[in-house]
């Protein structure tokens, strides 16, 4: 089991979500975040004052997936998020030691979002 965290541009959220759903991954969490990566600092004018924008608005996706869906999730995120410009984001993949579904007490792979019978294998995107 892996925890996949992706930080992407806010304007690419819909494309990433649709690509993940097509790959059979529907259990995810979104958080609005701010960050600084390789983008140039931007000077904006706000009410007649110059303002240096150091941190950019981003969206963070988090999802727990079983091993067969790791590469499918990474490919889906890349497909949905890529613009080819600096600031497209990053994907982080971490080991998950344990998962417990609160409602039922199911553990580990059984606690992850079930896959429908029509999507028993990860779909390449």
N, C-alpha and C. Protein backbone atom coordinates (compact mmCIF):
# COMPACT_ATOMS: atom_id res chain seq x y z
N UNK A 1 0.85 -1.17 0.00
CA UNK A 1 0.00 0.00 0.00
C UNK A 1 0.90 1.24 0.00
N UNK A 2 0.45 2.25 -0.72
CA UNK A 2 1.21 3.49 -0.82
C UNK A 2 0.30 4.68 -0.57
N UNK A 3 0.88 5.73 -0.03
CA UNK A 3 0.21 7.02 0.07
C UNK A 3 0.81 7.90 -1.02
N UNK A 4 -0.04 8.35 -1.93
CA UNK A 4 0.42 9.21 -3.02
C UNK A 4 -0.07 10.62 -2.74
N UNK A 5 0.87 11.55 -2.72
CA UNK A 5 0.57 12.96 -2.52
C UNK A 5 1.03 13.70 -3.76
N UNK A 6 0.15 14.49 -4.34
CA UNK A 6 0.51 15.27 -5.52
C UNK A 6 0.14 16.73 -5.28
N UNK A 7 1.06 17.63 -5.60
CA UNK A 7 0.81 19.06 -5.49
C UNK A 7 0.74 19.59 -6.92
N UNK A 8 -0.42 20.16 -7.29
CA UNK A 8 -0.65 20.58 -8.68
C UNK A 8 -1.23 21.98 -8.74
N UNK A 9 -1.26 22.52 -9.94
CA UNK A 9 -1.88 23.83 -10.18
C UNK A 9 -3.39 23.75 -9.93
N UNK A 10 -3.98 24.77 -9.31
CA UNK A 10 -5.42 24.73 -9.06
C UNK A 10 -6.27 24.62 -10.33
N UNK A 11 -5.79 25.19 -11.42
CA UNK A 11 -6.56 25.15 -12.65
C UNK A 11 -6.53 23.78 -13.32
N UNK A 12 -5.73 22.85 -12.81
CA UNK A 12 -5.65 21.50 -13.38
C UNK A 12 -6.36 20.44 -12.53
N UNK A 13 -7.05 20.88 -11.48
CA UNK A 13 -7.72 19.93 -10.57
C UNK A 13 -8.73 19.06 -11.30
N UNK A 14 -9.56 19.64 -12.13
CA UNK A 14 -10.60 18.87 -12.83
C UNK A 14 -9.98 17.80 -13.74
N UNK A 15 -8.93 18.17 -14.46
CA UNK A 15 -8.27 17.22 -15.36
C UNK A 15 -7.63 16.07 -14.58
N UNK A 16 -7.00 16.39 -13.45
CA UNK A 16 -6.37 15.35 -12.62
C UNK A 16 -7.44 14.43 -12.06
N UNK A 17 -8.51 15.00 -11.53
CA UNK A 17 -9.59 14.19 -10.95
C UNK A 17 -10.19 13.25 -11.99
N UNK A 18 -10.47 13.76 -13.18
CA UNK A 18 -11.05 12.92 -14.24
C UNK A 18 -10.09 11.80 -14.64
N UNK A 19 -8.80 12.09 -14.75
CA UNK A 19 -7.82 11.07 -15.12
C UNK A 19 -7.72 10.00 -14.03
N UNK A 20 -7.77 10.40 -12.76
CA UNK A 20 -7.75 9.43 -11.67
C UNK A 20 -8.99 8.54 -11.69
N UNK A 21 -10.16 9.14 -11.92
CA UNK A 21 -11.39 8.36 -11.97
C UNK A 21 -11.35 7.36 -13.12
N UNK A 22 -10.81 7.78 -14.29
CA UNK A 22 -10.69 6.85 -15.43
C UNK A 22 -9.76 5.69 -15.11
N UNK A 23 -8.77 5.93 -14.24
CA UNK A 23 -7.82 4.88 -13.85
C UNK A 23 -8.38 4.00 -12.73
N UNK A 24 -9.61 4.27 -12.29
CA UNK A 24 -10.23 3.45 -11.26
C UNK A 24 -9.92 3.89 -9.84
N UNK A 25 -9.40 5.11 -9.68
CA UNK A 25 -9.05 5.63 -8.36
C UNK A 25 -10.03 6.73 -8.00
N UNK A 26 -10.89 6.45 -7.01
CA UNK A 26 -11.91 7.43 -6.66
C UNK A 26 -11.79 7.94 -5.23
N UNK A 27 -11.04 7.25 -4.38
CA UNK A 27 -10.89 7.70 -3.01
C UNK A 27 -9.73 8.66 -2.90
N UNK A 28 -10.03 9.95 -2.71
CA UNK A 28 -8.97 10.94 -2.62
C UNK A 28 -9.40 12.11 -1.75
N UNK A 29 -8.43 12.86 -1.31
CA UNK A 29 -8.65 14.05 -0.49
C UNK A 29 -7.96 15.22 -1.17
N UNK A 30 -8.61 16.37 -1.19
CA UNK A 30 -8.04 17.59 -1.76
C UNK A 30 -7.86 18.64 -0.66
N UNK A 31 -6.75 19.35 -0.73
CA UNK A 31 -6.48 20.44 0.21
C UNK A 31 -5.89 21.61 -0.56
N UNK A 32 -6.36 22.82 -0.27
CA UNK A 32 -5.74 24.01 -0.86
C UNK A 32 -4.49 24.32 -0.05
N UNK A 33 -3.37 24.49 -0.75
CA UNK A 33 -2.09 24.76 -0.09
C UNK A 33 -1.39 25.89 -0.82
N UNK A 34 -0.35 26.42 -0.22
CA UNK A 34 0.51 27.42 -0.85
C UNK A 34 1.93 26.89 -0.80
N UNK A 35 2.70 27.20 -1.81
CA UNK A 35 4.06 26.71 -1.82
C UNK A 35 4.95 27.50 -2.76
N UNK A 36 6.22 27.14 -2.71
CA UNK A 36 7.21 27.78 -3.56
C UNK A 36 8.10 26.70 -4.13
N UNK A 37 8.23 26.70 -5.42
CA UNK A 37 9.09 25.74 -6.09
C UNK A 37 10.02 26.47 -7.03
N UNK A 38 10.04 26.04 -8.28
CA UNK A 38 10.95 26.62 -9.26
C UNK A 38 10.42 27.85 -9.97
N UNK A 39 9.20 28.27 -9.66
CA UNK A 39 8.64 29.44 -10.34
C UNK A 39 9.37 30.72 -9.93
N UNK A 40 9.37 31.66 -10.85
CA UNK A 40 9.93 32.98 -10.56
C UNK A 40 8.99 33.72 -9.62
N UNK A 41 9.57 34.56 -8.76
CA UNK A 41 8.72 35.40 -7.92
C UNK A 41 8.03 36.41 -8.81
N UNK A 42 6.81 36.75 -8.46
CA UNK A 42 6.01 37.65 -9.27
C UNK A 42 5.72 38.91 -8.47
N UNK A 43 5.83 40.05 -9.12
CA UNK A 43 5.47 41.31 -8.48
C UNK A 43 4.11 41.72 -9.04
N UNK A 44 3.14 41.88 -8.14
CA UNK A 44 1.80 42.32 -8.52
C UNK A 44 1.52 43.66 -7.88
N UNK A 45 0.53 44.33 -8.42
CA UNK A 45 0.12 45.60 -7.83
C UNK A 45 -1.24 45.41 -7.18
N UNK A 46 -1.31 45.78 -5.90
CA UNK A 46 -2.55 45.65 -5.14
C UNK A 46 -2.84 46.99 -4.50
N UNK A 47 -3.92 47.62 -4.93
CA UNK A 47 -4.34 48.94 -4.41
C UNK A 47 -3.19 49.95 -4.46
N UNK A 48 -2.50 49.95 -5.58
CA UNK A 48 -1.44 50.92 -5.80
C UNK A 48 -0.11 50.58 -5.16
N UNK A 49 -0.01 49.43 -4.53
CA UNK A 49 1.23 49.03 -3.86
C UNK A 49 1.81 47.80 -4.55
N UNK A 50 3.14 47.80 -4.71
CA UNK A 50 3.81 46.63 -5.28
C UNK A 50 3.87 45.54 -4.22
N UNK A 51 3.47 44.34 -4.61
CA UNK A 51 3.47 43.21 -3.68
C UNK A 51 4.24 42.06 -4.32
N UNK A 52 5.21 41.50 -3.57
CA UNK A 52 5.98 40.35 -4.04
C UNK A 52 5.22 39.09 -3.66
N UNK A 53 4.86 38.29 -4.67
CA UNK A 53 4.15 37.04 -4.43
C UNK A 53 5.20 35.94 -4.34
N UNK A 54 5.46 35.47 -3.11
CA UNK A 54 6.47 34.44 -2.91
C UNK A 54 5.90 33.04 -3.01
N UNK A 55 4.67 32.85 -2.54
CA UNK A 55 4.05 31.54 -2.51
C UNK A 55 2.89 31.49 -3.48
N UNK A 56 2.80 30.40 -4.22
CA UNK A 56 1.73 30.21 -5.20
C UNK A 56 0.65 29.31 -4.62
N UNK A 57 -0.58 29.58 -5.02
CA UNK A 57 -1.68 28.71 -4.61
C UNK A 57 -1.56 27.40 -5.37
N UNK A 58 -1.72 26.29 -4.67
CA UNK A 58 -1.66 24.95 -5.26
C UNK A 58 -2.77 24.10 -4.64
N UNK A 59 -2.97 22.93 -5.19
CA UNK A 59 -3.92 21.97 -4.62
C UNK A 59 -3.16 20.68 -4.38
N UNK A 60 -3.37 20.10 -3.19
CA UNK A 60 -2.71 18.86 -2.84
C UNK A 60 -3.73 17.72 -2.87
N UNK A 61 -3.43 16.71 -3.68
CA UNK A 61 -4.23 15.48 -3.74
C UNK A 61 -3.55 14.46 -2.84
N UNK A 62 -4.33 13.72 -2.06
CA UNK A 62 -3.78 12.59 -1.30
C UNK A 62 -4.68 11.40 -1.54
N UNK A 63 -4.05 10.23 -1.75
CA UNK A 63 -4.81 9.01 -1.95
C UNK A 63 -4.00 7.81 -1.49
N UNK A 64 -4.67 6.86 -0.87
CA UNK A 64 -4.05 5.60 -0.49
C UNK A 64 -4.46 4.58 -1.53
N UNK A 65 -3.47 3.90 -2.09
CA UNK A 65 -3.77 2.92 -3.14
C UNK A 65 -3.02 1.63 -2.88
N UNK A 66 -3.57 0.52 -3.39
CA UNK A 66 -2.89 -0.76 -3.32
C UNK A 66 -1.82 -0.79 -4.41
N UNK A 67 -0.85 -1.69 -4.26
CA UNK A 67 0.29 -1.76 -5.19
C UNK A 67 -0.09 -1.74 -6.67
N UNK A 68 -1.12 -2.50 -7.09
CA UNK A 68 -1.41 -2.51 -8.54
C UNK A 68 -1.84 -1.15 -9.09
N UNK A 69 -2.23 -0.21 -8.24
CA UNK A 69 -2.72 1.08 -8.72
C UNK A 69 -1.72 2.21 -8.59
N UNK A 70 -0.52 1.93 -8.09
CA UNK A 70 0.47 2.99 -7.88
C UNK A 70 0.86 3.64 -9.21
N UNK A 71 1.31 2.85 -10.16
CA UNK A 71 1.75 3.42 -11.45
C UNK A 71 0.58 4.07 -12.21
N UNK A 72 -0.59 3.46 -12.13
CA UNK A 72 -1.76 4.04 -12.80
C UNK A 72 -2.08 5.41 -12.22
N UNK A 73 -1.97 5.56 -10.90
CA UNK A 73 -2.23 6.85 -10.25
C UNK A 73 -1.20 7.88 -10.68
N UNK A 74 0.07 7.49 -10.69
CA UNK A 74 1.14 8.42 -11.09
C UNK A 74 0.92 8.88 -12.53
N UNK A 75 0.64 7.95 -13.42
CA UNK A 75 0.42 8.30 -14.83
C UNK A 75 -0.80 9.22 -14.99
N UNK A 76 -1.86 8.92 -14.26
CA UNK A 76 -3.08 9.75 -14.34
C UNK A 76 -2.80 11.17 -13.87
N UNK A 77 -2.09 11.30 -12.76
CA UNK A 77 -1.77 12.64 -12.24
C UNK A 77 -0.91 13.40 -13.23
N UNK A 78 0.10 12.74 -13.78
CA UNK A 78 0.96 13.40 -14.77
C UNK A 78 0.15 13.85 -15.98
N UNK A 79 -0.71 12.97 -16.46
CA UNK A 79 -1.51 13.31 -17.65
C UNK A 79 -2.41 14.51 -17.36
N UNK A 80 -3.04 14.52 -16.21
CA UNK A 80 -3.97 15.61 -15.89
C UNK A 80 -3.31 16.91 -15.52
N UNK A 81 -2.13 16.85 -14.90
CA UNK A 81 -1.50 18.06 -14.35
C UNK A 81 -0.50 18.72 -15.28
N UNK A 82 0.04 17.99 -16.23
CA UNK A 82 1.16 18.51 -17.03
C UNK A 82 0.72 19.61 -18.00
N UNK A 83 1.40 20.76 -17.89
CA UNK A 83 1.24 21.83 -18.88
C UNK A 83 2.54 22.04 -19.64
N UNK A 84 3.65 21.53 -19.08
CA UNK A 84 4.95 21.73 -19.69
C UNK A 84 5.67 22.97 -19.17
N UNK A 85 5.04 23.70 -18.26
CA UNK A 85 5.62 24.91 -17.71
C UNK A 85 6.17 24.65 -16.32
N UNK A 86 7.10 25.48 -15.87
CA UNK A 86 7.60 25.41 -14.50
C UNK A 86 6.42 25.61 -13.56
N UNK A 87 6.33 24.80 -12.52
CA UNK A 87 5.25 24.94 -11.56
C UNK A 87 4.13 23.93 -11.73
N UNK A 88 4.33 22.92 -12.59
CA UNK A 88 3.30 21.90 -12.78
C UNK A 88 3.09 21.07 -11.52
N UNK A 89 4.10 20.96 -10.66
CA UNK A 89 3.91 20.27 -9.38
C UNK A 89 4.83 19.09 -9.20
N UNK A 90 4.53 18.32 -8.15
CA UNK A 90 5.33 17.14 -7.79
C UNK A 90 4.40 16.04 -7.31
N UNK A 91 4.91 14.80 -7.40
CA UNK A 91 4.20 13.63 -6.89
C UNK A 91 5.14 12.95 -5.89
N UNK A 92 4.62 12.63 -4.72
CA UNK A 92 5.39 11.95 -3.68
C UNK A 92 4.72 10.62 -3.39
N UNK A 93 5.50 9.55 -3.32
CA UNK A 93 4.97 8.22 -3.05
C UNK A 93 5.64 7.70 -1.78
N UNK A 94 4.81 7.33 -0.78
CA UNK A 94 5.33 6.84 0.49
C UNK A 94 4.69 5.50 0.85
N UNK A 95 5.44 4.69 1.58
CA UNK A 95 4.91 3.43 2.09
C UNK A 95 3.82 3.73 3.12
N UNK A 96 2.78 2.92 3.12
CA UNK A 96 1.75 2.99 4.15
C UNK A 96 1.88 1.75 5.01
N UNK A 97 2.09 1.96 6.27
CA UNK A 97 2.26 0.83 7.18
C UNK A 97 0.93 0.18 7.51
N UNK A 98 -0.10 0.99 7.66
CA UNK A 98 -1.38 0.44 8.10
C UNK A 98 -2.51 1.36 7.68
N UNK A 99 -3.65 0.77 7.31
CA UNK A 99 -4.87 1.51 6.99
C UNK A 99 -6.02 0.82 7.70
N UNK A 100 -6.90 1.61 8.33
CA UNK A 100 -8.07 1.06 9.01
C UNK A 100 -9.28 1.88 8.59
N UNK A 101 -10.32 1.21 8.10
CA UNK A 101 -11.59 1.89 7.78
C UNK A 101 -12.36 2.01 9.10
N UNK A 102 -12.65 3.23 9.51
CA UNK A 102 -13.30 3.48 10.80
C UNK A 102 -14.67 2.83 10.87
N UNK A 103 -15.47 2.96 9.82
CA UNK A 103 -16.85 2.47 9.84
C UNK A 103 -16.94 0.97 10.07
N UNK A 104 -16.08 0.19 9.42
CA UNK A 104 -16.22 -1.27 9.46
C UNK A 104 -15.10 -1.98 10.22
N UNK A 105 -14.00 -1.29 10.47
CA UNK A 105 -12.86 -1.92 11.09
C UNK A 105 -11.98 -2.69 10.12
N UNK A 106 -12.32 -2.66 8.82
CA UNK A 106 -11.49 -3.35 7.82
C UNK A 106 -10.07 -2.78 7.86
N UNK A 107 -9.11 -3.63 7.55
CA UNK A 107 -7.71 -3.22 7.64
C UNK A 107 -6.98 -3.37 6.31
N UNK A 108 -5.99 -2.55 6.15
CA UNK A 108 -5.05 -2.57 5.04
C UNK A 108 -5.75 -2.56 3.68
N UNK A 109 -5.42 -3.48 2.75
CA UNK A 109 -6.01 -3.43 1.40
C UNK A 109 -7.54 -3.47 1.44
N UNK A 110 -8.12 -4.20 2.38
CA UNK A 110 -9.58 -4.28 2.48
C UNK A 110 -10.18 -2.93 2.85
N UNK A 111 -9.40 -2.07 3.48
CA UNK A 111 -9.90 -0.76 3.90
C UNK A 111 -9.81 0.29 2.80
N UNK A 112 -9.08 -0.02 1.74
CA UNK A 112 -8.98 0.93 0.63
C UNK A 112 -10.25 0.88 -0.19
N UNK A 113 -10.50 1.94 -0.95
CA UNK A 113 -11.71 2.02 -1.75
C UNK A 113 -11.82 0.81 -2.66
N UNK A 114 -12.93 0.07 -2.58
CA UNK A 114 -13.06 -1.12 -3.42
C UNK A 114 -13.14 -0.76 -4.90
N UNK A 115 -12.70 -1.68 -5.71
CA UNK A 115 -12.73 -1.51 -7.16
C UNK A 115 -13.92 -2.28 -7.70
N UNK A 116 -14.66 -1.68 -8.62
CA UNK A 116 -15.80 -2.37 -9.21
C UNK A 116 -15.32 -3.51 -10.08
N UNK A 117 -16.20 -4.46 -10.36
CA UNK A 117 -15.81 -5.63 -11.16
C UNK A 117 -15.38 -5.26 -12.57
N UNK A 118 -15.87 -4.15 -13.10
CA UNK A 118 -15.50 -3.77 -14.46
C UNK A 118 -14.12 -3.15 -14.50
N UNK A 119 -13.59 -2.75 -13.34
CA UNK A 119 -12.27 -2.14 -13.31
C UNK A 119 -11.38 -2.89 -12.34
N UNK A 120 -11.19 -4.18 -12.58
CA UNK A 120 -10.39 -4.99 -11.67
C UNK A 120 -8.90 -4.82 -11.91
N UNK A 121 -8.52 -4.28 -13.04
CA UNK A 121 -7.12 -4.03 -13.33
C UNK A 121 -6.92 -2.53 -13.53
N UNK A 122 -5.75 -2.01 -13.15
CA UNK A 122 -5.50 -0.60 -13.40
C UNK A 122 -5.56 -0.30 -14.90
N UNK A 123 -6.12 0.84 -15.23
CA UNK A 123 -6.26 1.24 -16.62
C UNK A 123 -5.15 2.20 -16.96
N UNK A 124 -4.44 1.97 -18.04
CA UNK A 124 -3.41 2.93 -18.46
C UNK A 124 -4.10 4.16 -19.02
N UNK A 125 -3.55 5.30 -18.66
CA UNK A 125 -4.12 6.57 -19.13
C UNK A 125 -3.13 7.30 -19.99
